[in-house]
């Protein structure tokens, strides 16, 4: 099961305050009609609160780790649907017009992202060559593609390079399409490439239950896409198609994440350990930064709460306790979901050949200490 800890990404105190300030008053005024008959002009205030102000507050204050700003789009759509539910039928005089304008704005933002993506696609030939070069160093496609993207799209004006954070997010989006549509049949080729470069590879997805969970997720989300589309279409055709597009992207992301897991084993080369857990995080750990490898004695729940760590362990229907812990002598830079930089001082890890992995890493560390 996907192990992203969403609870740690949310400030629950800020979320509670936001709901009390924006949702509760509008619910009492519109749905309960606490102060009496609702005037049509009051509906405008409700839409502003729930579809614009509340999503912005959630982005800046509720989400501790800032994802792409385009997360505002689904948050705004949820707020708009909530506003349509709150406002009574007799006071919805302005709602249809507001719905159209809000959806136009959000579709414009989506088109902006697509326009930027088209600009990047024009440089695909160069990007492809540089990615192939980077794979000689980083092996895994996601890290190689992000590094190549930042090299290909480095601007002469330094102020423009601040948008490379956004470029890492967009690179993850493009990686979704690569893994879904273009990566099938790559496993044997990439394995031979690693062997040719005198590396050791360790898969981590074969011995667990993750394949079954993956199939369940795909099945459930496919049904949800159809159900949500039919339900929302009763209120707005445009909103239904926007939500369906977002749901389809979520489905593609889950498929791409599994394919990335399948094609991204743990790799030991002469310099260090290369890890990539699907599309969720990736890092290179130099051997000189590894203090020791020990058997893990913590349960999965405690591990997921620990800050400054990554957990390369796939769960099933139940969380799985990691087998080993790589303790670093100082924090190293790694990348979490959507290329967000993070400093880590430990990595929890479970592979299909645990004992062999432990022995190989220990042997390398002993040689380096000698």
Protein backbone atom coordinates (compact mmCIF):
# COMPACT_ATOMS: atom_id res chain seq x y z
CA UNK A 1 0.00 0.00 0.00
CA UNK A 2 1.22 3.53 -0.71
CA UNK A 3 3.06 4.64 2.40
CA UNK A 4 2.87 8.43 2.08
CA UNK A 5 1.99 9.69 5.57
CA UNK A 6 -0.67 12.25 4.77
CA UNK A 7 -1.45 12.86 8.46
CA UNK A 8 2.00 14.38 9.02
CA UNK A 9 1.55 16.63 5.98
CA UNK A 10 -1.50 18.33 7.51
CA UNK A 11 -1.62 20.83 10.36
CA UNK A 12 -4.77 19.61 12.08
CA UNK A 13 -4.96 22.64 14.35
CA UNK A 14 -4.91 25.00 11.36
CA UNK A 15 -7.45 22.81 9.53
CA UNK A 16 -9.83 22.91 12.52
CA UNK A 17 -9.57 26.70 12.73
CA UNK A 18 -10.14 27.04 8.97
CA UNK A 19 -13.25 24.85 9.11
CA UNK A 20 -14.61 26.82 12.07
CA UNK A 21 -13.99 30.14 10.31
CA UNK A 22 -15.19 29.27 6.81
CA UNK A 23 -17.33 26.12 6.71
CA UNK A 24 -19.33 26.26 9.94
CA UNK A 25 -20.62 29.87 9.58
CA UNK A 26 -21.67 29.27 5.96
CA UNK A 27 -23.36 25.99 6.91
CA UNK A 28 -25.35 27.74 9.66
CA UNK A 29 -26.29 30.69 7.43
CA UNK A 30 -27.14 28.79 4.26
CA UNK A 31 -28.15 25.26 5.19
CA UNK A 32 -29.64 25.81 8.64
CA UNK A 33 -30.82 29.36 7.76
CA UNK A 34 -29.92 30.49 11.27
CA UNK A 35 -30.72 34.17 10.66
CA UNK A 36 -33.69 33.57 8.41
CA UNK A 37 -34.25 33.75 4.67
CA UNK A 38 -31.11 33.65 2.55
CA UNK A 39 -30.64 36.49 0.09
CA UNK A 40 -29.20 35.58 -3.35
CA UNK A 41 -26.30 38.02 -2.88
CA UNK A 42 -25.23 36.07 0.22
CA UNK A 43 -24.47 33.09 -2.01
CA UNK A 44 -21.63 35.07 -3.58
CA UNK A 45 -19.96 35.39 -0.18
CA UNK A 46 -20.32 31.65 0.42
CA UNK A 47 -18.68 30.80 -2.90
CA UNK A 48 -15.82 33.25 -2.21
CA UNK A 49 -15.28 31.70 1.21
CA UNK A 50 -15.39 28.04 0.20
CA UNK A 51 -14.06 28.05 -3.38
CA UNK A 52 -11.33 30.70 -3.11
CA UNK A 53 -10.37 31.76 0.41
CA UNK A 54 -10.58 28.34 2.09
CA UNK A 55 -8.38 26.57 -0.56
CA UNK A 56 -5.78 29.35 -0.26
CA UNK A 57 -5.78 29.08 3.54
CA UNK A 58 -5.43 25.30 3.26
CA UNK A 59 -2.48 25.63 0.87
CA UNK A 60 -0.53 28.19 2.90
CA UNK A 61 -1.40 27.18 6.47
CA UNK A 62 -2.88 23.65 6.60
CA UNK A 63 -0.44 21.82 4.30
CA UNK A 64 2.92 21.64 6.05
CA UNK A 65 4.71 20.36 2.95
CA UNK A 66 3.80 22.57 0.02
CA UNK A 67 2.90 20.49 -3.06
CA UNK A 68 2.38 22.03 -6.47
CA UNK A 69 0.22 25.15 -6.38
CA UNK A 70 -2.17 23.42 -8.78
CA UNK A 71 -3.50 21.48 -5.76
CA UNK A 72 -5.68 24.61 -5.40
CA UNK A 73 -7.77 23.35 -8.35
CA UNK A 74 -9.27 20.21 -6.71
CA UNK A 75 -9.58 22.04 -3.37
CA UNK A 76 -11.49 24.84 -5.09
CA UNK A 77 -13.77 22.39 -6.89
CA UNK A 78 -14.62 20.68 -3.60
CA UNK A 79 -15.37 24.10 -2.08
CA UNK A 80 -17.57 25.02 -5.06
CA UNK A 81 -19.55 21.78 -4.79
CA UNK A 82 -19.96 22.35 -1.04
CA UNK A 83 -21.21 25.89 -1.68
CA UNK A 84 -23.76 24.57 -4.20
CA UNK A 85 -24.97 22.13 -1.55
CA UNK A 86 -25.17 24.80 1.17
CA UNK A 87 -27.08 27.44 -0.82
CA UNK A 88 -30.84 26.79 -0.86
CA UNK A 89 -32.57 26.44 -4.24
CA UNK A 90 -34.54 29.67 -3.91
CA UNK A 91 -31.32 31.70 -3.44
CA UNK A 92 -29.20 30.24 -6.25
CA UNK A 93 -29.88 33.12 -8.64
CA UNK A 94 -26.15 33.89 -9.13
CA UNK A 95 -24.76 30.40 -8.64
CA UNK A 96 -24.85 29.22 -12.25
CA UNK A 97 -22.91 32.27 -13.41
CA UNK A 98 -20.39 31.93 -10.55
CA UNK A 99 -19.94 28.21 -11.27
CA UNK A 100 -19.09 28.96 -14.89
CA UNK A 101 -16.54 31.66 -14.02
CA UNK A 102 -14.82 29.55 -11.35
CA UNK A 103 -14.60 26.54 -13.66
CA UNK A 104 -13.25 28.75 -16.49
CA UNK A 105 -10.51 30.05 -14.17
CA UNK A 106 -9.56 26.56 -13.02
CA UNK A 107 -9.56 25.15 -16.55
CA UNK A 108 -7.31 28.09 -17.53
CA UNK A 109 -4.83 27.07 -14.84
CA UNK A 110 -4.85 23.50 -16.14
CA UNK A 111 -4.29 24.78 -19.68
CA UNK A 112 -1.37 26.88 -18.40
CA UNK A 113 0.30 23.77 -17.00
CA UNK A 114 -0.36 21.96 -20.29
CA UNK A 115 1.17 24.86 -22.23
CA UNK A 116 4.32 24.67 -20.14
CA UNK A 117 4.36 20.92 -20.67
CA UNK A 118 4.12 21.41 -24.46
CA UNK A 119 7.08 23.83 -24.29
CA UNK A 120 9.09 21.16 -22.51
CA UNK A 121 8.01 18.48 -24.98
CA UNK A 122 9.56 20.51 -27.80
CA UNK A 123 12.96 19.90 -26.22
CA UNK A 124 12.37 16.19 -25.87
CA UNK A 125 15.23 15.13 -28.21
CA UNK A 126 17.84 16.98 -26.12
CA UNK A 127 16.17 15.93 -22.89
CA UNK A 128 16.24 12.29 -24.02
CA UNK A 129 19.97 12.42 -24.76
CA UNK A 130 20.84 14.06 -21.45
CA UNK A 131 18.60 11.64 -19.53
CA UNK A 132 20.46 8.71 -21.11
CA UNK A 133 23.74 10.29 -20.02
CA UNK A 134 22.48 10.82 -16.47
CA UNK A 135 21.34 7.19 -16.26
CA UNK A 136 24.98 6.16 -16.49
CA UNK A 137 25.37 7.83 -13.08
CA UNK A 138 21.97 7.60 -11.40
CA UNK A 139 20.55 4.42 -13.08
CA UNK A 140 16.91 5.06 -12.14
CA UNK A 141 14.79 6.98 -14.63
CA UNK A 142 13.08 9.42 -12.23
CA UNK A 143 16.27 10.84 -10.70
CA UNK A 144 18.02 10.86 -14.09
CA UNK A 145 15.06 12.64 -15.72
CA UNK A 146 14.84 15.31 -13.01
CA UNK A 147 18.59 15.97 -13.17
CA UNK A 148 18.42 16.13 -16.98
CA UNK A 149 15.40 18.47 -16.88
CA UNK A 150 17.18 20.92 -14.62
CA UNK A 151 20.23 20.88 -16.88
CA UNK A 152 18.29 21.27 -20.14
CA UNK A 153 16.05 24.02 -18.77
CA UNK A 154 18.66 26.08 -16.95
CA UNK A 155 18.21 29.73 -17.89
CA UNK A 156 20.85 32.44 -18.28
CA UNK A 157 18.81 34.75 -16.05
CA UNK A 158 19.21 33.42 -12.53
CA UNK A 159 15.79 34.70 -11.45
CA UNK A 160 14.13 32.29 -13.88
CA UNK A 161 15.98 29.34 -12.32
CA UNK A 162 13.86 29.69 -9.18
CA UNK A 163 11.15 27.94 -11.22
CA UNK A 164 13.20 24.75 -11.26
CA UNK A 165 11.29 23.70 -8.13
CA UNK A 166 8.18 23.76 -10.29
CA UNK A 167 10.14 21.95 -13.01
CA UNK A 168 10.79 19.03 -10.63
CA UNK A 169 7.05 18.77 -10.04
CA UNK A 170 6.36 18.84 -13.77
CA UNK A 171 9.12 16.24 -14.32
CA UNK A 172 7.25 13.93 -11.97
CA UNK A 173 4.07 14.50 -14.01
CA UNK A 174 5.91 13.59 -17.21
CA UNK A 175 7.46 10.56 -15.49
CA UNK A 176 3.93 9.31 -14.82
CA UNK A 177 3.29 9.16 -18.57
CA UNK A 178 6.69 7.59 -19.22
CA UNK A 179 6.13 4.76 -16.76
CA UNK A 180 2.52 4.16 -17.85
CA UNK A 181 2.98 4.25 -21.62
CA UNK A 182 6.66 3.85 -22.52
CA UNK A 183 8.42 1.73 -19.89
CA UNK A 184 6.93 -1.70 -20.53
CA UNK A 185 9.56 -4.21 -21.58
CA UNK A 186 12.38 -2.13 -20.06
CA UNK A 187 13.11 -4.41 -17.11
CA UNK A 188 15.48 -6.83 -18.85
CA UNK A 189 17.30 -4.03 -20.66
CA UNK A 190 17.89 -2.00 -17.47
CA UNK A 191 18.97 -5.08 -15.52
CA UNK A 192 21.59 -5.94 -18.18
CA UNK A 193 22.82 -2.35 -18.12
CA UNK A 194 23.32 -2.52 -14.35
CA UNK A 195 25.13 -5.87 -14.57
CA UNK A 196 27.37 -4.51 -17.32
CA UNK A 197 28.39 -1.68 -15.00
CA UNK A 198 29.40 -4.10 -12.20
CA UNK A 199 26.59 -3.22 -9.85
CA UNK A 200 24.48 -5.27 -7.46
CA UNK A 201 20.69 -4.99 -7.70
CA UNK A 202 18.08 -5.91 -5.09
CA UNK A 203 14.36 -5.92 -5.86
CA UNK A 204 11.94 -5.14 -3.04
CA UNK A 205 8.46 -5.82 -4.46
CA UNK A 206 8.33 -9.57 -5.16
CA UNK A 207 8.01 -11.17 -1.72
CA UNK A 208 5.30 -8.93 -0.27
CA UNK A 209 1.59 -8.40 -0.83
CA UNK A 210 1.88 -5.10 -2.65
CA UNK A 211 0.84 -6.47 -6.05
CA UNK A 212 -2.53 -7.52 -4.60
CA UNK A 213 -3.00 -4.13 -2.97
CA UNK A 214 -2.08 -2.42 -6.25
CA UNK A 215 -4.75 -4.41 -8.13
CA UNK A 216 -7.33 -3.53 -5.46
CA UNK A 217 -6.46 0.17 -5.68
CA UNK A 218 -6.75 0.22 -9.47
CA UNK A 219 -10.06 -1.64 -9.35
CA UNK A 220 -11.54 0.62 -6.65
CA UNK A 221 -10.40 3.85 -8.33
CA UNK A 222 -11.77 2.75 -11.71
CA UNK A 223 -15.21 2.23 -10.16
CA UNK A 224 -14.91 5.53 -8.29
CA UNK A 225 -14.15 7.46 -11.49
CA UNK A 226 -17.42 6.29 -13.06
CA UNK A 227 -19.50 6.84 -9.90
CA UNK A 228 -18.14 10.34 -9.16
CA UNK A 229 -18.57 11.40 -12.80
CA UNK A 230 -22.25 10.36 -12.86
CA UNK A 231 -22.95 11.95 -9.48
CA UNK A 232 -21.29 15.33 -10.18
CA UNK A 233 -22.78 15.49 -13.70
CA UNK A 234 -26.19 16.00 -12.09
CA UNK A 235 -24.94 19.40 -10.87
CA UNK A 236 -22.40 20.47 -13.49
CA UNK A 237 -21.13 18.80 -16.67
CA UNK A 238 -17.93 20.88 -16.68
CA UNK A 239 -17.12 20.07 -13.03
CA UNK A 240 -17.81 16.39 -13.70
CA UNK A 241 -15.28 16.26 -16.53
CA UNK A 242 -12.65 18.22 -14.56
CA UNK A 243 -12.99 15.84 -11.60
CA UNK A 244 -12.90 12.85 -13.95
CA UNK A 245 -9.67 14.12 -15.50
CA UNK A 246 -8.13 14.48 -12.03
CA UNK A 247 -9.29 10.98 -11.08
CA UNK A 248 -7.84 9.53 -14.27
CA UNK A 249 -4.52 11.23 -13.46
CA UNK A 250 -4.64 9.67 -9.97
CA UNK A 251 -5.21 6.25 -11.57
CA UNK A 252 -2.29 6.77 -13.95
CA UNK A 253 -0.13 7.88 -11.02
CA UNK A 254 -0.85 4.65 -9.11
CA UNK A 255 -0.04 2.54 -12.19
CA UNK A 256 3.15 4.54 -12.86
CA UNK A 257 4.19 4.24 -9.22
CA UNK A 258 3.94 0.45 -9.36
CA UNK A 259 5.79 0.28 -12.67
CA UNK A 260 8.54 2.53 -11.23
CA UNK A 261 8.81 0.19 -8.23
CA UNK A 262 9.14 -2.80 -10.55
CA UNK A 263 11.85 -1.13 -12.64
CA UNK A 264 13.79 0.54 -9.81
CA UNK A 265 15.63 -1.98 -7.65
CA UNK A 266 18.05 -0.92 -4.94
CA UNK A 267 21.41 -0.56 -6.70
CA UNK A 268 24.85 -0.84 -5.11
CA UNK A 269 27.66 0.53 -7.26
CA UNK A 270 31.24 1.55 -6.49
CA UNK A 271 30.25 4.86 -4.90
CA UNK A 272 27.07 4.19 -2.95
CA UNK A 273 23.49 3.00 -2.79
CA UNK A 274 20.83 4.22 -5.24
CA UNK A 275 17.24 3.94 -4.02
CA UNK A 276 13.94 4.91 -5.59
CA UNK A 277 10.58 3.96 -4.14
CA UNK A 278 8.25 4.28 -7.11
CA UNK A 279 7.49 7.96 -7.68
CA UNK A 280 7.46 8.68 -3.95
CA UNK A 281 11.10 9.33 -3.12
CA UNK A 282 14.61 8.76 -4.37
CA UNK A 283 18.12 9.27 -3.03
CA UNK A 284 21.77 8.44 -3.52
CA UNK A 285 23.59 7.39 -0.35
CA UNK A 286 27.42 7.52 -0.57
CA UNK A 287 29.12 4.73 1.36
CA UNK A 288 31.24 7.25 3.28
CA UNK A 289 28.04 8.75 4.70
CA UNK A 290 26.79 5.40 6.07
CA UNK A 291 27.76 4.98 9.71
CA UNK A 292 26.31 1.47 10.08
CA UNK A 293 23.53 -0.89 9.02
CA UNK A 294 21.54 -2.49 11.83
CA UNK A 295 18.48 -4.66 12.20
CA UNK A 296 15.39 -2.56 12.80
CA UNK A 297 13.56 -3.05 16.10
CA UNK A 298 10.78 -0.49 15.56
CA UNK A 299 7.29 -1.20 14.27
CA UNK A 300 6.04 0.34 11.02
CA UNK A 301 3.87 2.91 12.80
CA UNK A 302 6.81 4.28 14.78
CA UNK A 303 9.02 4.30 11.70
CA UNK A 304 6.50 6.30 9.65
CA UNK A 305 6.30 8.92 12.42
CA UNK A 306 10.06 9.36 12.54
CA UNK A 307 11.25 12.59 10.93
CA UNK A 308 14.25 12.86 8.63
CA UNK A 309 13.98 9.30 7.31
CA UNK A 310 12.77 7.37 4.29
CA UNK A 311 11.14 3.95 4.50
CA UNK A 312 11.85 1.69 1.52
CA UNK A 313 9.44 -1.05 2.61
CA UNK A 314 6.30 -2.02 0.75
CA UNK A 315 3.28 -2.91 2.85
CA UNK A 316 0.34 -5.14 2.09
CA UNK A 317 -3.11 -5.04 3.63
CA UNK A 318 -1.22 -4.47 6.87
CA UNK A 319 1.88 -2.35 7.44
CA UNK A 320 5.18 -4.26 7.31
CA UNK A 321 8.02 -3.59 9.74
CA UNK A 322 11.26 -2.65 7.94
CA UNK A 323 14.08 -5.18 8.16
CA UNK A 324 17.13 -2.90 8.36
CA UNK A 325 18.09 0.66 9.16
CA UNK A 326 20.90 2.52 7.42
CA UNK A 327 22.21 5.11 9.89
CA UNK A 328 24.05 8.06 8.32
CA UNK A 329 26.82 10.04 10.00
CA UNK A 330 25.32 13.29 8.71
CA UNK A 331 22.15 14.27 6.81
CA UNK A 332 22.13 13.95 3.03
CA UNK A 333 19.87 15.61 0.47
CA UNK A 334 17.15 13.42 -0.96
CA UNK A 335 13.90 13.98 -2.86
CA UNK A 336 10.40 13.11 -1.71
CA UNK A 337 7.08 13.17 -3.60
CA UNK A 338 7.05 15.55 -6.62
CA UNK A 339 10.79 16.26 -6.26
CA UNK A 340 10.51 18.12 -2.95
CA UNK A 341 13.98 18.35 -1.37
CA UNK A 342 14.40 16.75 2.03
CA UNK A 343 17.37 16.06 4.30
CA UNK A 344 17.49 12.57 5.80
CA UNK A 345 19.80 10.96 8.35
CA UNK A 346 18.50 7.37 8.12
CA UNK A 347 16.84 4.99 5.68
CA UNK A 348 14.69 2.01 6.64
CA UNK A 349 14.89 -0.72 4.04
CA UNK A 350 13.48 -4.14 3.18
CA UNK A 351 14.46 -6.05 0.03
CA UNK A 352 13.64 -9.48 -1.37
CA UNK A 353 17.10 -10.82 -0.50
CA UNK A 354 17.55 -9.25 2.92
CA UNK A 355 20.45 -11.33 4.20
CA UNK A 356 22.50 -10.92 1.02
CA UNK A 357 21.89 -7.17 1.04
CA UNK A 358 22.97 -6.91 4.68
CA UNK A 359 26.14 -8.94 4.02
CA UNK A 360 27.10 -6.95 0.92
CA UNK A 361 26.63 -3.56 2.58
CA UNK A 362 28.51 -4.68 5.70
CA UNK A 363 31.38 -5.99 3.60
CA UNK A 364 31.66 -2.71 1.70
CA UNK A 365 31.58 -0.67 4.91
CA UNK A 366 34.32 -2.81 6.46
CA UNK A 367 36.51 -2.35 3.38
CA UNK A 368 36.02 1.41 3.53
CA UNK A 369 36.94 1.49 7.22
CA UNK A 370 40.11 -0.55 6.69
